[in-house]
Amino acid sequence: MAIFEEPLKSPFPSIVSSSPSPVGSVEPASGMEALPRGSDSVEATREIGKIETYSPLYYAACTFGGLASCGLTHMAITPLDVVKCNMQIDPEKYKSISSGFGVLIQEQGFRGFFKGWVPTLLGYSAQGACKFGFYEFFKKFYADVTGPKHASKYKTLIYLAGAASAEVIADIALCPMEAVKVRVQTQPLFARGLRDGLPKFLKSEGVRGLYKGLLPLWGRQIPYTMMKFASFETIVEMIYKHVIPKPKEQCSKPLQLAVSFAGGYAAGVLCAVISHPADNLVSFLNNAAGATVTDAVRQLGLRGLFTRGLPLRIVMIGTLTGAQWGVYDAFKVLVGLQTTGGLMPPTTSNQEHAKQS
C-alpha cells in the first residue's frame, strides 16, 4: 500500500491550479480546540491537496463522493433490501431472514433479489450527492454562525444541525424513486422495474403519490442522518484519541480509511435502531394505495413498528454505513483531501485572520 504514502495528484488538472491553495494555519480563539501542532501536522492543516477546503470545488468533490458512496452501496445490498421490505409488509410469509431468502428465490428466482435496483441506484445517488455535499456546506455555515469562541464547544450540535439540514433536501430528491422501489420490490406483479413501474405508479396515484411517503421518509432519514454524521465524527475522534497512539495526520491513508469504515459501521448500528420505526412506516405506506400512518400503526402494532425486520436492518445499515464512509473518504483521498473527522471546520473569521497573518 505504498502508493498511499506519497502525495496523491489531483485528477482535475484543467480546473485546479498547479500549485496548492493553502487554507492557512489557524490560531484558535478563546474557547476553541487547538488545531494539531508540529511542522507535519500544521502543513497537513494548511495544505490539503490542490483543492482549497470549503471552496466551490471542494463542495463539488464532496457532492460527487456522496453520489458514488450512497448510490453504489445501496445498489449492492439490493437483495437484503428486498427481503427486509417483504418481511415488513408480509411477516406471515417472510417469517425470518433465512426463510425470506428461500421464499423469494422459490417464487421469483435469482432475478427477484435485484428487483428495484435501478430506482435504488438513481434515488440514492441523488440523495447521497445532496446529503454529503450539503452536510459539508451546512457544517461550515453553522460553525460560522456559532463563531470561533463557541464552534468547538458546540461542535456536536453543529454536526447534528448540519446533518438535519442536508437530509431535508436529500430526501426530496430520494422520495419518488423510493416510492417506486418499494412498490416494485413488494408487489411482484406490479412491474418489472422503473421503466414500467413509474408510469403505472403515476397513473394510479399521480405525482403527489410519489411524495406520499415524504413525511415518514423525513421521520426515518433525518434522525438516521443526524446519528450517522454526529456519531461518526465523535467515534472517529475517539478512535484517534484513545485507540491509535499517534495523531491522525501521521497515520497512513489505508489506516485512516480503516478508521472511517470502523467508525461508519458503529454509527450505522445506532442509525438502524433510531430510524427503524419510520422505516416500517415508509414500507407500509408505499406498498398500499391510500394507506395512512394510522393504518400502519393499527396493523403493525407498536412492538412490530420497532422490531419487525430490525436484526436484518442492523446488519444491512451497519455494513452500508461503514462502506459509505469508506468509499466517500477514499474518493476524498483520491482528489487530495483529508478523510472526514478529527477537526472542526475553521470559522470564516479565523480563516481571514490566518490569511492576514
Foldseek 3Di string as FASTA:
>chain_A
DCVLVDAFAAPCPPPFDPDADFLFQFDFDAQADHQDDDPLRSVCNGTQHRDDPPDPVNLVLQLQLQLVLFLVLQLVQQLLVLLLLQCLAPCVQSVDDVSSVVVQCVPPNPLLSRALSVLSNQQRSQLRSQQRSQLSVQLQVVLQVCDRNCCRVCVLVSSLVSNLVSNLVSLVSRQLSLLLSLQCSNPVPQDRHDVRSSVSQCVVPNPVLSCPLVVLVSLQRSLLRSLQRSQLQVQLQCCQVPPDPDHPSVDGPVVSLVSQLVSQLVSQLVSLQNRQLSVSVSSNSSNDPPDDSVNSCVVQPPVSSRDRSSVSSSVSRSNSRSSSLSSSQVSCSNNRGHRDHDDRDDHPVRSVVSVVD
